[in-house]
Amino acid sequence: MSQTLDQRHGQQRPRMLAWIGASVALMLLAHVLSIVWPSGLLAVTTYKAHLLALGGWGGYWLDRGLFPYDRPHRYFDDEPEPAPPAADYGESICTGLVTTSHYGYTVLRRAIIVAACLVCVGLGA
């Protein structure tokens, strides 16, 4: 019987915790800089960096929420399945451990969603 990732590696810390921490730190730094130099461009730049970190974090969680059963780490199981014949399955995008092209699509989908969130947050404020 297959174990989940948390069962194999014990209790893990929440995902993307470093990014949300960086976002909060940048927000606080932007606030302090806006108090010290009210008309400075450094505070605005730090605030934009905060928004981009927050947008990347939000894009990751949006992908996880929209596609809960199709995550990239699921293609790296401990017990790999035998690869189907090339004529039946088509050509693989990835080589090495992964023999299915669905991994490449999953990673590309996540990258597009995160990039769209970064663009929306960067243009919005």
PDB file of N, CA and C in Angstrom:
ATOM      1  N   MET A   1       0.831  -1.167   0.000  1.00  0.00           N
ATOM      2  CA  MET A   1       0.000   0.000   0.000  1.00  0.00           C
ATOM      3  C   MET A   1       0.887   1.246   0.000  1.00  0.00           C
ATOM      4  N   SER A   2       0.500   2.195  -0.818  1.00  0.00           N
ATOM      5  CA  SER A   2       1.299   3.396  -0.985  1.00  0.00           C
ATOM      6  C   SER A   2       1.089   4.360   0.179  1.00  0.00           C
ATOM      7  N   GLN A   3       2.180   4.907   0.681  1.00  0.00           N
ATOM      8  CA  GLN A   3       2.098   5.888   1.756  1.00  0.00           C
ATOM      9  C   GLN A   3       2.098   7.288   1.160  1.00  0.00           C
ATOM     10  N   THR A   4       1.479   8.205   1.860  1.00  0.00           N
ATOM     11  CA  THR A   4       1.502   9.585   1.395  1.00  0.00           C
ATOM     12  C   THR A   4       2.852  10.200   1.714  1.00  0.00           C
ATOM     13  N   LEU A   5       3.098  11.364   1.157  1.00  0.00           N
ATOM     14  CA  LEU A   5       4.366  12.048   1.358  1.00  0.00           C
ATOM     15  C   LEU A   5       4.583  12.404   2.821  1.00  0.00           C
ATOM     16  N   ASP A   6       3.524  12.832   3.527  1.00  0.00           N
ATOM     17  CA  ASP A   6       3.659  13.177   4.942  1.00  0.00           C
ATOM     18  C   ASP A   6       3.956  11.950   5.791  1.00  0.00           C
ATOM     19  N   GLN A   7       3.411  10.780   5.428  1.00  0.00           N
ATOM     20  CA  GLN A   7       3.669   9.570   6.199  1.00  0.00           C
ATOM     21  C   GLN A   7       5.098   9.089   6.001  1.00  0.00           C
ATOM     22  N   ARG A   8       5.650   9.276   4.811  1.00  0.00           N
ATOM     23  CA  ARG A   8       7.013   8.826   4.546  1.00  0.00           C
ATOM     24  C   ARG A   8       8.051   9.710   5.207  1.00  0.00           C
ATOM     25  N   HIS A   9       7.813  11.011   5.228  1.00  0.00           N
ATOM     26  CA  HIS A   9       8.829  11.939   5.711  1.00  0.00           C
ATOM     27  C   HIS A   9       8.466  12.599   7.029  1.00  0.00           C
ATOM     28  N   GLY A  10       7.482  12.096   7.714  1.00  0.00           N
ATOM     29  CA  GLY A  10       7.085  12.685   8.986  1.00  0.00           C
ATOM     30  C   GLY A  10       6.279  13.959   8.765  1.00  0.00           C
ATOM     31  N   GLN A  11       6.020  14.650   9.834  1.00  0.00           N
ATOM     32  CA  GLN A  11       5.244  15.883   9.742  1.00  0.00           C
ATOM     33  C   GLN A  11       6.100  16.977   9.107  1.00  0.00           C
ATOM     34  N   GLN A  12       5.594  17.601   8.072  1.00  0.00           N
ATOM     35  CA  GLN A  12       6.339  18.643   7.383  1.00  0.00           C
ATOM     36  C   GLN A  12       5.789  20.007   7.756  1.00  0.00           C
ATOM     37  N   ARG A  13       6.625  21.026   7.557  1.00  0.00           N
ATOM     38  CA  ARG A  13       6.157  22.387   7.783  1.00  0.00           C
ATOM     39  C   ARG A  13       5.235  22.774   6.632  1.00  0.00           C
ATOM     40  N   PRO A  14       4.404  23.773   6.821  1.00  0.00           N
ATOM     41  CA  PRO A  14       3.481  24.179   5.747  1.00  0.00           C
ATOM     42  C   PRO A  14       4.231  24.590   4.482  1.00  0.00           C
ATOM     43  N   ARG A  15       3.641  24.306   3.348  1.00  0.00           N
ATOM     44  CA  ARG A  15       4.278  24.618   2.074  1.00  0.00           C
ATOM     45  C   ARG A  15       4.347  26.118   1.859  1.00  0.00           C
ATOM     46  N   MET A  16       5.402  26.556   1.214  1.00  0.00           N
ATOM     47  CA  MET A  16       5.614  27.954   0.843  1.00  0.00           C
ATOM     48  C   MET A  16       5.663  28.889   2.059  1.00  0.00           C
ATOM     49  N   LEU A  17       6.046  28.375   3.194  1.00  0.00           N
ATOM     50  CA  LEU A  17       6.125  29.185   4.404  1.00  0.00           C
ATOM     51  C   LEU A  17       7.198  30.263   4.273  1.00  0.00           C
ATOM     52  N   ALA A  18       8.288  29.963   3.609  1.00  0.00           N
ATOM     53  CA  ALA A  18       9.359  30.943   3.433  1.00  0.00           C
ATOM     54  C   ALA A  18       8.891  32.124   2.582  1.00  0.00           C
ATOM     55  N   TRP A  19       8.058  31.849   1.587  1.00  0.00           N
ATOM     56  CA  TRP A  19       7.589  32.937   0.712  1.00  0.00           C
ATOM     57  C   TRP A  19       6.623  33.859   1.428  1.00  0.00           C
ATOM     58  N   ILE A  20       5.743  33.313   2.229  1.00  0.00           N
ATOM     59  CA  ILE A  20       4.824  34.180   2.968  1.00  0.00           C
ATOM     60  C   ILE A  20       5.587  34.950   4.035  1.00  0.00           C
ATOM     61  N   GLY A  21       6.608  34.337   4.606  1.00  0.00           N
ATOM     62  CA  GLY A  21       7.464  35.045   5.559  1.00  0.00           C
ATOM     63  C   GLY A  21       8.227  36.186   4.896  1.00  0.00           C
ATOM     64  N   ALA A  22       8.742  35.935   3.695  1.00  0.00           N
ATOM     65  CA  ALA A  22       9.432  36.994   2.948  1.00  0.00           C
ATOM     66  C   ALA A  22       8.470  38.116   2.586  1.00  0.00           C
ATOM     67  N   SER A  23       7.248  37.754   2.247  1.00  0.00           N
ATOM     68  CA  SER A  23       6.259  38.768   1.903  1.00  0.00           C
ATOM     69  C   SER A  23       5.931  39.653   3.098  1.00  0.00           C
ATOM     70  N   VAL A  24       5.758  39.062   4.256  1.00  0.00           N
ATOM     71  CA  VAL A  24       5.467  39.843   5.471  1.00  0.00           C
ATOM     72  C   VAL A  24       6.667  40.720   5.831  1.00  0.00           C
ATOM     73  N   ALA A  25       7.873  40.176   5.716  1.00  0.00           N
ATOM     74  CA  ALA A  25       9.072  40.959   6.024  1.00  0.00           C
ATOM     75  C   ALA A  25       9.222  42.141   5.070  1.00  0.00           C
ATOM     76  N   LEU A  26       8.947  41.918   3.783  1.00  0.00           N
ATOM     77  CA  LEU A  26       9.027  43.015   2.817  1.00  0.00           C
ATOM     78  C   LEU A  26       7.951  44.064   3.075  1.00  0.00           C
ATOM     79  N   MET A  27       6.772  43.626   3.501  1.00  0.00           N
ATOM     80  CA  MET A  27       5.704  44.573   3.809  1.00  0.00           C
ATOM     81  C   MET A  27       6.096  45.454   4.994  1.00  0.00           C
ATOM     82  N   LEU A  28       6.654  44.842   6.025  1.00  0.00           N
ATOM     83  CA  LEU A  28       7.088  45.612   7.187  1.00  0.00           C
ATOM     84  C   LEU A  28       8.232  46.562   6.838  1.00  0.00           C
ATOM     85  N   LEU A  29       9.166  46.093   6.017  1.00  0.00           N
ATOM     86  CA  LEU A  29      10.274  46.937   5.585  1.00  0.00           C
ATOM     87  C   LEU A  29       9.764  48.113   4.756  1.00  0.00           C
ATOM     88  N   ALA A  30       8.795  47.871   3.880  1.00  0.00           N
ATOM     89  CA  ALA A  30       8.222  48.959   3.084  1.00  0.00           C
ATOM     90  C   ALA A  30       7.527  49.977   3.969  1.00  0.00           C
ATOM     91  N   HIS A  31       6.855  49.505   5.000  1.00  0.00           N
ATOM     92  CA  HIS A  31       6.185  50.424   5.936  1.00  0.00           C
ATOM     93  C   HIS A  31       7.207  51.284   6.678  1.00  0.00           C
ATOM     94  N   VAL A  32       8.271  50.659   7.154  1.00  0.00           N
ATOM     95  CA  VAL A  32       9.312  51.409   7.868  1.00  0.00           C
ATOM     96  C   VAL A  32       9.981  52.415   6.938  1.00  0.00           C
ATOM     97  N   LEU A  33      10.274  52.003   5.704  1.00  0.00           N
ATOM     98  CA  LEU A  33      10.908  52.916   4.752  1.00  0.00           C
ATOM     99  C   LEU A  33      10.002  54.077   4.375  1.00  0.00           C
ATOM    100  N   SER A  34       8.694  53.831   4.321  1.00  0.00           N
ATOM    101  CA  SER A  34       7.785  54.931   3.990  1.00  0.00           C
ATOM    102  C   SER A  34       7.671  55.936   5.137  1.00  0.00           C
ATOM    103  N   ILE A  35       7.923  55.480   6.358  1.00  0.00           N
ATOM    104  CA  ILE A  35       7.925  56.408   7.499  1.00  0.00           C
ATOM    105  C   ILE A  35       9.226  57.206   7.531  1.00  0.00           C
ATOM    106  N   VAL A  36      10.349  56.520   7.280  1.00  0.00           N
ATOM    107  CA  VAL A  36      11.657  57.180   7.346  1.00  0.00           C
ATOM    108  C   VAL A  36      11.837  58.141   6.179  1.00  0.00           C
ATOM    109  N   TRP A  37      11.554  57.685   4.936  1.00  0.00           N
ATOM    110  CA  TRP A  37      11.660  58.505   3.731  1.00  0.00           C
ATOM    111  C   TRP A  37      10.305  58.533   3.031  1.00  0.00           C
ATOM    112  N   PRO A  38       9.446  59.467   3.396  1.00  0.00           N
ATOM    113  CA  PRO A  38       8.073  59.468   2.865  1.00  0.00           C
ATOM    114  C   PRO A  38       7.994  59.602   1.341  1.00  0.00           C
ATOM    115  N   SER A  39       8.917  60.314   0.736  1.00  0.00           N
ATOM    116  CA  SER A  39       8.837  60.497  -0.712  1.00  0.00           C
ATOM    117  C   SER A  39       9.868  59.652  -1.456  1.00  0.00           C
ATOM    118  N   GLY A  40      10.401  58.630  -0.796  1.00  0.00           N
ATOM    119  CA  GLY A  40      11.448  57.815  -1.397  1.00  0.00           C
ATOM    120  C   GLY A  40      10.908  56.716  -2.300  1.00  0.00           C
ATOM    121  N   LEU A  41      11.661  56.407  -3.320  1.00  0.00           N
ATOM    122  CA  LEU A  41      11.286  55.349  -4.259  1.00  0.00           C
ATOM    123  C   LEU A  41      11.588  53.960  -3.699  1.00  0.00           C
ATOM    124  N   LEU A  42      12.463  53.892  -2.706  1.00  0.00           N
ATOM    125  CA  LEU A  42      12.834  52.609  -2.125  1.00  0.00           C
ATOM    126  C   LEU A  42      11.653  51.936  -1.431  1.00  0.00           C
ATOM    127  N   ALA A  43      10.805  52.726  -0.788  1.00  0.00           N
ATOM    128  CA  ALA A  43       9.633  52.160  -0.121  1.00  0.00           C
ATOM    129  C   ALA A  43       8.657  51.582  -1.141  1.00  0.00           C
ATOM    130  N   VAL A  44       8.487  52.257  -2.261  1.00  0.00           N
ATOM    131  CA  VAL A  44       7.580  51.769  -3.307  1.00  0.00           C
ATOM    132  C   VAL A  44       8.137  50.497  -3.939  1.00  0.00           C
ATOM    133  N   THR A  45       9.428  50.468  -4.171  1.00  0.00           N
ATOM    134  CA  THR A  45      10.054  49.278  -4.747  1.00  0.00           C
ATOM    135  C   THR A  45       9.941  48.088  -3.803  1.00  0.00           C
ATOM    136  N   THR A  46      10.146  48.317  -2.520  1.00  0.00           N
ATOM    137  CA  THR A  46      10.013  47.240  -1.541  1.00  0.00           C
ATOM    138  C   THR A  46       8.572  46.765  -1.454  1.00  0.00           C
ATOM    139  N   TYR A  47       7.627  47.694  -1.560  1.00  0.00           N
ATOM    140  CA  TYR A  47       6.213  47.319  -1.541  1.00  0.00           C
ATOM    141  C   TYR A  47       5.856  46.480  -2.770  1.00  0.00           C
ATOM    142  N   LYS A  48       6.396  46.826  -3.920  1.00  0.00           N
ATOM    143  CA  LYS A  48       6.152  46.024  -5.132  1.00  0.00           C
ATOM    144  C   LYS A  48       6.770  44.633  -5.001  1.00  0.00           C
ATOM    145  N   ALA A  49       7.949  44.542  -4.392  1.00  0.00           N
ATOM    146  CA  ALA A  49       8.557  43.230  -4.162  1.00  0.00           C
ATOM    147  C   ALA A  49       7.687  42.403  -3.222  1.00  0.00           C
ATOM    148  N   HIS A  50       7.089  43.061  -2.230  1.00  0.00           N
ATOM    149  CA  HIS A  50       6.154  42.377  -1.328  1.00  0.00           C
ATOM    150  C   HIS A  50       4.959  41.843  -2.113  1.00  0.00           C
ATOM    151  N   LEU A  51       4.414  42.650  -3.007  1.00  0.00           N
ATOM    152  CA  LEU A  51       3.262  42.212  -3.797  1.00  0.00           C
ATOM    153  C   LEU A  51       3.618  41.034  -4.705  1.00  0.00           C
ATOM    154  N   LEU A  52       4.802  41.051  -5.287  1.00  0.00           N
ATOM    155  CA  LEU A  52       5.204  39.940  -6.155  1.00  0.00           C
ATOM    156  C   LEU A  52       5.401  38.651  -5.367  1.00  0.00           C
ATOM    157  N   ALA A  53       5.982  38.751  -4.180  1.00  0.00           N
ATOM    158  CA  ALA A  53       6.125  37.552  -3.342  1.00  0.00           C
ATOM    159  C   ALA A  53       4.754  37.017  -2.949  1.00  0.00           C
ATOM    160  N   LEU A  54       3.839  37.911  -2.635  1.00  0.00           N
ATOM    161  CA  LEU A  54       2.482  37.508  -2.275  1.00  0.00           C
ATOM    162  C   LEU A  54       1.743  36.926  -3.484  1.00  0.00           C
ATOM    163  N   GLY A  55       1.972  37.481  -4.669  1.00  0.00           N
ATOM    164  CA  GLY A  55       1.346  36.952  -5.885  1.00  0.00           C
ATOM    165  C   GLY A  55       1.850  35.562  -6.252  1.00  0.00           C
ATOM    166  N   GLY A  56       3.141  35.322  -6.082  1.00  0.00           N
ATOM    167  CA  GLY A  56       3.679  33.986  -6.336  1.00  0.00           C
ATOM    168  C   GLY A  56       3.126  32.960  -5.365  1.00  0.00           C
ATOM    169  N   TRP A  57       3.016  33.351  -4.108  1.00  0.00           N
ATOM    170  CA  TRP A  57       2.439  32.474  -3.093  1.00  0.00           C
ATOM    171  C   TRP A  57       0.980  32.174  -3.411  1.00  0.00           C
ATOM    172  N   GLY A  58       0.246  33.196  -3.783  1.00  0.00           N
ATOM    173  CA  GLY A  58      -1.164  33.007  -4.125  1.00  0.00           C
ATOM    174  C   GLY A  58      -1.353  32.164  -5.374  1.00  0.00           C
ATOM    175  N   GLY A  59      -0.489  32.331  -6.367  1.00  0.00           N
ATOM    176  CA  GLY A  59      -0.577  31.521  -7.581  1.00  0.00           C
ATOM    177  C   GLY A  59      -0.327  30.052  -7.317  1.00  0.00           C
ATOM    178  N   TYR A  60       0.632  29.763  -6.443  1.00  0.00           N
ATOM    179  CA  TYR A  60       0.904  28.374  -6.073  1.00  0.00           C
ATOM    180  C   TYR A  60      -0.321  27.747  -5.416  1.00  0.00           C
ATOM    181  N   TRP A  61      -0.919  28.470  -4.460  1.00  0.00           N
ATOM    182  CA  TRP A  61      -2.074  27.921  -3.760  1.00  0.00           C
ATOM    183  C   TRP A  61      -3.306  27.880  -4.651  1.00  0.00           C
ATOM    184  N   LEU A  62      -3.409  28.784  -5.613  1.00  0.00           N
ATOM    185  CA  LEU A  62      -4.505  28.718  -6.571  1.00  0.00           C
ATOM    186  C   LEU A  62      -4.392  27.450  -7.417  1.00  0.00           C
ATOM    187  N   ASP A  63      -3.191  27.118  -7.849  1.00  0.00           N
ATOM    188  CA  ASP A  63      -2.989  25.885  -8.617  1.00  0.00           C
ATOM    189  C   ASP A  63      -3.316  24.657  -7.774  1.00  0.00           C
ATOM    190  N   ARG A  64      -2.893  24.662  -6.532  1.00  0.00           N
ATOM    191  CA  ARG A  64      -3.202  23.516  -5.661  1.00  0.00           C
ATOM    192  C   ARG A  64      -4.694  23.387  -5.403  1.00  0.00           C
ATOM    193  N   GLY A  65      -5.390  24.511  -5.324  1.00  0.00           N
ATOM    194  CA  GLY A  65      -6.828  24.469  -5.086  1.00  0.00           C
ATOM    195  C   GLY A  65      -7.620  24.064  -6.322  1.00  0.00           C
ATOM    196  N   LEU A  66      -7.180  24.520  -7.486  1.00  0.00           N
ATOM    197  CA  LEU A  66      -7.898  24.191  -8.724  1.00  0.00           C
ATOM    198  C   LEU A  66      -7.647  22.762  -9.184  1.00  0.00           C
ATOM    199  N   PHE A  67      -6.454  22.263  -8.959  1.00  0.00           N
ATOM    200  CA  PHE A  67      -6.084  20.921  -9.420  1.00  0.00           C
ATOM    201  C   PHE A  67      -5.553  20.097  -8.243  1.00  0.00           C
ATOM    202  N   PRO A  68      -6.426  19.673  -7.329  1.00  0.00           N
ATOM    203  CA  PRO A  68      -5.937  18.986  -6.129  1.00  0.00           C
ATOM    204  C   PRO A  68      -5.381  17.588  -6.393  1.00  0.00           C
ATOM    205  N   TYR A  69      -5.754  16.970  -7.501  1.00  0.00           N
ATOM    206  CA  TYR A  69      -5.303  15.596  -7.750  1.00  0.00           C
ATOM    207  C   TYR A  69      -4.238  15.504  -8.834  1.00  0.00           C
ATOM    208  N   ASP A  70      -3.776  16.616  -9.332  1.00  0.00           N
ATOM    209  CA  ASP A  70      -2.762  16.587 -10.387  1.00  0.00           C
ATOM    210  C   ASP A  70      -1.613  17.499  -9.987  1.00  0.00           C
ATOM    211  N   ARG A  71      -0.773  17.000  -9.088  1.00  0.00           N
ATOM    212  CA  ARG A  71       0.363  17.770  -8.606  1.00  0.00           C
ATOM    213  C   ARG A  71       1.651  17.136  -9.108  1.00  0.00           C
ATOM    214  N   PRO A  72       2.676  17.958  -9.384  1.00  0.00           N
ATOM    215  CA  PRO A  72       3.913  17.417  -9.963  1.00  0.00           C
ATOM    216  C   PRO A  72       4.595  16.353  -9.116  1.00  0.00           C
ATOM    217  N   HIS A  73       4.543  16.453  -7.788  1.00  0.00           N
ATOM    218  CA  HIS A  73       5.273  15.484  -6.965  1.00  0.00           C
ATOM    219  C   HIS A  73       4.654  14.086  -7.048  1.00  0.00           C
ATOM    220  N   ARG A  74       3.441  13.974  -7.512  1.00  0.00           N
ATOM    221  CA  ARG A  74       2.794  12.658  -7.599  1.00  0.00           C
ATOM    222  C   ARG A  74       3.368  11.796  -8.713  1.00  0.00           C
ATOM    223  N   TYR A  75       4.126  12.382  -9.609  1.00  0.00           N
ATOM    224  CA  TYR A  75       4.733  11.607 -10.691  1.00  0.00           C
ATOM    225  C   TYR A  75       6.060  10.980 -10.276  1.00  0.00           C
ATOM    226  N   PHE A  76       6.502  11.241  -9.045  1.00  0.00           N
ATOM    227  CA  PHE A  76       7.743  10.675  -8.541  1.00  0.00           C
ATOM    228  C   PHE A  76       7.454   9.700  -7.408  1.00  0.00           C
ATOM    229  N   ASP A  77       6.759   8.627  -7.689  1.00  0.00           N
ATOM    230  CA  ASP A  77       6.459   7.614  -6.686  1.00  0.00           C
ATOM    231  C   ASP A  77       7.672   6.732  -6.452  1.00  0.00           C
ATOM    232  N   ASP A  78       7.657   6.021  -5.325  1.00  0.00           N
ATOM    233  CA  ASP A  78       8.742   5.091  -5.019  1.00  0.00           C
ATOM    234  C   ASP A  78       8.706   3.870  -5.923  1.00  0.00           C
ATOM    235  N   GLU A  79       7.527   3.476  -6.353  1.00  0.00           N
ATOM    236  CA  GLU A  79       7.372   2.299  -7.198  1.00  0.00           C
ATOM    237  C   GLU A  79       6.923   2.733  -8.590  1.00  0.00           C
ATOM    238  N   PRO A  80       7.887   2.974  -9.496  1.00  0.00           N
ATOM    239  CA  PRO A  80       7.492   3.436 -10.830  1.00  0.00           C
ATOM    240  C   PRO A  80       6.774   2.338 -11.616  1.00  0.00           C
ATOM    241  N   GLU A  81       5.793   2.760 -12.378  1.00  0.00           N
ATOM    242  CA  GLU A  81       5.076   1.822 -13.226  1.00  0.00           C
ATOM    243  C   GLU A  81       5.853   1.637 -14.522  1.00  0.00           C
ATOM    244  N   PRO A  82       5.724   0.478 -15.157  1.00  0.00           N
ATOM    245  CA  PRO A  82       6.427   0.291 -16.426  1.00  0.00           C
ATOM    246  C   PRO A  82       5.875   1.238 -17.490  1.00  0.00           C
ATOM    247  N   ALA A  83       6.747   1.702 -18.343  1.00  0.00           N
ATOM    248  CA  ALA A  83       6.345   2.646 -19.385  1.00  0.00           C
ATOM    249  C   ALA A  83       5.540   1.925 -20.464  1.00  0.00           C
ATOM    250  N   PRO A  84       4.472   2.537 -20.944  1.00  0.00           N
ATOM    251  CA  PRO A  84       3.715   1.936 -22.036  1.00  0.00           C
ATOM    252  C   PRO A  84       4.511   2.009 -23.338  1.00  0.00           C
ATOM    253  N   PRO A  85       4.139   1.228 -24.332  1.00  0.00           N
ATOM    254  CA  PRO A  85       4.861   1.287 -25.604  1.00  0.00           C
ATOM    255  C   PRO A  85       4.805   2.689 -26.202  1.00  0.00           C
ATOM    256  N   ALA A  86       5.878   3.084 -26.880  1.00  0.00           N
ATOM    257  CA  ALA A  86       5.971   4.435 -27.427  1.00  0.00           C
ATOM    258  C   ALA A  86       4.915   4.684 -28.493  1.00  0.00           C
ATOM    259  N   ALA A  87       4.547   3.669 -29.240  1.00  0.00           N
ATOM    260  CA  ALA A  87       3.564   3.850 -30.305  1.00  0.00           C
ATOM    261  C   ALA A  87       2.179   4.152 -29.730  1.00  0.00           C
ATOM    262  N   ASP A  88       1.872   3.608 -28.538  1.00  0.00           N
ATOM    263  CA  ASP A  88       0.561   3.836 -27.943  1.00  0.00           C
ATOM    264  C   ASP A  88       0.488   5.145 -27.172  1.00  0.00           C
ATOM    265  N   TYR A  89       1.607   5.615 -26.672  1.00  0.00           N
ATOM    266  CA  TYR A  89       1.569   6.738 -25.749  1.00  0.00           C
ATOM    267  C   TYR A  89       2.096   8.031 -26.338  1.00  0.00           C
ATOM    268  N   GLY A  90       2.861   7.980 -27.365  1.00  0.00           N
ATOM    269  CA  GLY A  90       3.446   9.198 -27.920  1.00  0.00           C
ATOM    270  C   GLY A  90       4.793   9.472 -27.286  1.00  0.00           C
ATOM    271  N   GLU A  91       5.381  10.569 -27.660  1.00  0.00           N
ATOM    272  CA  GLU A  91       6.707  10.894 -27.179  1.00  0.00           C
ATOM    273  C   GLU A  91       6.644  11.594 -25.827  1.00  0.00           C
ATOM    274  N   SER A  92       7.604  11.317 -24.990  1.00  0.00           N
ATOM    275  CA  SER A  92       7.631  11.867 -23.644  1.00  0.00           C
ATOM    276  C   SER A  92       8.329  13.221 -23.640  1.00  0.00           C
ATOM    277  N   ILE A  93       7.820  14.150 -22.840  1.00  0.00           N
ATOM    278  CA  ILE A  93       8.467  15.447 -22.702  1.00  0.00           C
ATOM    279  C   ILE A  93       9.676  15.324 -21.783  1.00  0.00           C
ATOM    280  N   CYS A  94       9.520  14.598 -20.695  1.00  0.00           N
ATOM    281  CA  CYS A  94      10.582  14.454 -19.707  1.00  0.00           C
ATOM    282  C   CYS A  94      11.309  13.126 -19.910  1.00  0.00           C
ATOM    283  N   THR A  95      12.556  13.088 -19.474  1.00  0.00           N
ATOM    284  CA  THR A  95      13.323  11.855 -19.563  1.00  0.00           C
ATOM    285  C   THR A  95      13.831  11.512 -18.172  1.00  0.00           C
ATOM    286  N   GLY A  96      14.394  10.348 -18.030  1.00  0.00           N
ATOM    287  CA  GLY A  96      14.944   9.942 -16.745  1.00  0.00           C
ATOM    288  C   GLY A  96      13.926   9.198 -15.919  1.00  0.00           C
ATOM    289  N   LEU A  97      13.640   9.712 -14.714  1.00  0.00           N
ATOM    290  CA  LEU A  97      12.733   9.028 -13.807  1.00  0.00           C
ATOM    291  C   LEU A  97      11.284   9.054 -14.290  1.00  0.00           C
ATOM    292  N   VAL A  98      10.904  10.107 -14.962  1.00  0.00           N
ATOM    293  CA  VAL A  98       9.506  10.271 -15.357  1.00  0.00           C
ATOM    294  C   VAL A  98       9.340   9.802 -16.792  1.00  0.00           C
ATOM    295  N   THR A  99       8.360   8.925 -17.006  1.00  0.00           N
ATOM    296  CA  THR A  99       8.162   8.381 -18.347  1.00  0.00           C
ATOM    297  C   THR A  99       6.859   8.845 -18.967  1.00  0.00           C
ATOM    298  N   THR A 100       6.138   9.721 -18.308  1.00  0.00           N
ATOM    299  CA  THR A 100       4.888  10.207 -18.863  1.00  0.00           C
ATOM    300  C   THR A 100       5.015  11.667 -19.224  1.00  0.00           C
ATOM    301  N   SER A 101       4.267  12.088 -20.207  1.00  0.00           N
ATOM    302  CA  SER A 101       4.303  13.485 -20.605  1.00  0.00           C
ATOM    303  C   SER A 101       3.398  14.343 -19.731  1.00  0.00           C
ATOM    304  N   HIS A 102       2.586  13.742 -18.885  1.00  0.00           N
ATOM    305  CA  HIS A 102       1.691  14.506 -18.031  1.00  0.00           C
ATOM    306  C   HIS A 102       2.457  15.339 -16.996  1.00  0.00           C
ATOM    307  N   TYR A 103       3.622  14.883 -16.599  1.00  0.00           N
ATOM    308  CA  TYR A 103       4.432  15.659 -15.658  1.00  0.00           C
ATOM    309  C   TYR A 103       4.793  17.015 -16.249  1.00  0.00           C
ATOM    310  N   GLY A 104       5.216  17.011 -17.485  1.00  0.00           N
ATOM    311  CA  GLY A 104       5.576  18.266 -18.150  1.00  0.00           C
ATOM    312  C   GLY A 104       4.396  19.211 -18.254  1.00  0.00           C
ATOM    313  N   TYR A 105       3.239  18.674 -18.560  1.00  0.00           N
ATOM    314  CA  TYR A 105       2.036  19.506 -18.629  1.00  0.00           C
ATOM    315  C   TYR A 105       1.668  20.069 -17.260  1.00  0.00           C
ATOM    316  N   THR A 106       1.841  19.272 -16.223  1.00  0.00           N
ATOM    317  CA  THR A 106       1.518  19.719 -14.877  1.00  0.00           C
ATOM    318  C   THR A 106       2.430  20.856 -14.442  1.00  0.00           C
ATOM    319  N   VAL A 107       3.711  20.728 -14.704  1.00  0.00           N
ATOM    320  CA  VAL A 107       4.660  21.773 -14.336  1.00  0.00           C
ATOM    321  C   VAL A 107       4.408  23.038 -15.157  1.00  0.00           C
ATOM    322  N   LEU A 108       4.132  22.873 -16.443  1.00  0.00           N
ATOM    323  CA  LEU A 108       3.852  24.021 -17.296  1.00  0.00           C
ATOM    324  C   LEU A 108       2.567  24.729 -16.871  1.00  0.00           C
ATOM    325  N   ARG A 109       1.540  23.970 -16.516  1.00  0.00           N
ATOM    326  CA  ARG A 109       0.297  24.556 -16.045  1.00  0.00           C
ATOM    327  C   ARG A 109       0.521  25.372 -14.779  1.00  0.00           C
ATOM    328  N   ARG A 110       1.280  24.827 -13.857  1.00  0.00           N
ATOM    329  CA  ARG A 110       1.549  25.554 -12.616  1.00  0.00           C
ATOM    330  C   ARG A 110       2.349  26.820 -12.891  1.00  0.00           C
ATOM    331  N   ALA A 111       3.311  26.738 -13.782  1.00  0.00           N
ATOM    332  CA  ALA A 111       4.112  27.921 -14.109  1.00  0.00           C
ATOM    333  C   ALA A 111       3.260  29.009 -14.751  1.00  0.00           C
ATOM    334  N   ILE A 112       2.325  28.633 -15.602  1.00  0.00           N
ATOM    335  CA  ILE A 112       1.456  29.621 -16.248  1.00  0.00           C
ATOM    336  C   ILE A 112       0.537  30.274 -15.225  1.00  0.00           C
ATOM    337  N   ILE A 113      -0.022  29.503 -14.310  1.00  0.00           N
ATOM    338  CA  ILE A 113      -0.920  30.065 -13.294  1.00  0.00           C
ATOM    339  C   ILE A 113      -0.156  31.011 -12.368  1.00  0.00           C
ATOM    340  N   VAL A 114       1.027  30.623 -11.937  1.00  0.00           N
ATOM    341  CA  VAL A 114       1.816  31.486 -11.055  1.00  0.00           C
ATOM    342  C   VAL A 114       2.235  32.753 -11.798  1.00  0.00           C
ATOM    343  N   ALA A 115       2.642  32.620 -13.056  1.00  0.00           N
ATOM    344  CA  ALA A 115       3.042  33.799 -13.836  1.00  0.00           C
ATOM    345  C   ALA A 115       1.855  34.749 -14.045  1.00  0.00           C
ATOM    346  N   ALA A 116       0.662  34.200 -14.285  1.00  0.00           N
ATOM    347  CA  ALA A 116      -0.518  35.046 -14.444  1.00  0.00           C
ATOM    348  C   ALA A 116      -0.831  35.788 -13.157  1.00  0.00           C
ATOM    349  N   CYS A 117      -0.685  35.127 -12.026  1.00  0.00           N
ATOM    350  CA  CYS A 117      -0.915  35.808 -10.742  1.00  0.00           C
ATOM    351  C   CYS A 117       0.130  36.893 -10.502  1.00  0.00           C
ATOM    352  N   LEU A 118       1.373  36.634 -10.874  1.00  0.00           N
ATOM    353  CA  LEU A 118       2.421  37.647 -10.713  1.00  0.00           C
ATOM    354  C   LEU A 118       2.136  38.869 -11.580  1.00  0.00           C
ATOM    355  N   VAL A 119       1.687  38.655 -12.814  1.00  0.00           N
ATOM    356  CA  VAL A 119       1.369  39.774 -13.692  1.00  0.00           C
ATOM    357  C   VAL A 119       0.178  40.561 -13.148  1.00  0.00           C
ATOM    358  N   CYS A 120      -0.850  39.858 -12.699  1.00  0.00           N
ATOM    359  CA  CYS A 120      -2.039  40.542 -12.155  1.00  0.00           C
ATOM    360  C   CYS A 120      -1.696  41.376 -10.934  1.00  0.00           C
ATOM    361  N   VAL A 121      -0.911  40.828 -10.020  1.00  0.00           N
ATOM    362  CA  VAL A 121      -0.561  41.555  -8.812  1.00  0.00           C
ATOM    363  C   VAL A 121       0.400  42.705  -9.143  1.00  0.00           C
ATOM    364  N   GLY A 122       1.318  42.466 -10.063  1.00  0.00           N
ATOM    365  CA  GLY A 122       2.270  43.513 -10.435  1.00  0.00           C
ATOM    366  C   GLY A 122       1.612  44.695 -11.133  1.00  0.00           C
ATOM    367  N   LEU A 123       0.612  44.452 -11.921  1.00  0.00           N
ATOM    368  CA  LEU A 123      -0.083  45.523 -12.634  1.00  0.00           C
ATOM    369  C   LEU A 123      -1.183  46.178 -11.807  1.00  0.00           C
ATOM    370  N   GLY A 124      -1.692  45.442 -10.828  1.00  0.00           N
ATOM    371  CA  GLY A 124      -2.869  45.917 -10.105  1.00  0.00           C
ATOM    372  C   GLY A 124      -2.617  47.019  -9.099  1.00  0.00           C
ATOM    373  N   ALA A 125      -1.507  47.018  -8.429  1.00  0.00           N
ATOM    374  CA  ALA A 125      -1.322  47.999  -7.345  1.00  0.00           C
ATOM    375  C   ALA A 125      -0.185  48.934  -7.634  1.00  0.00           C
TER     376      ALA A 125
END
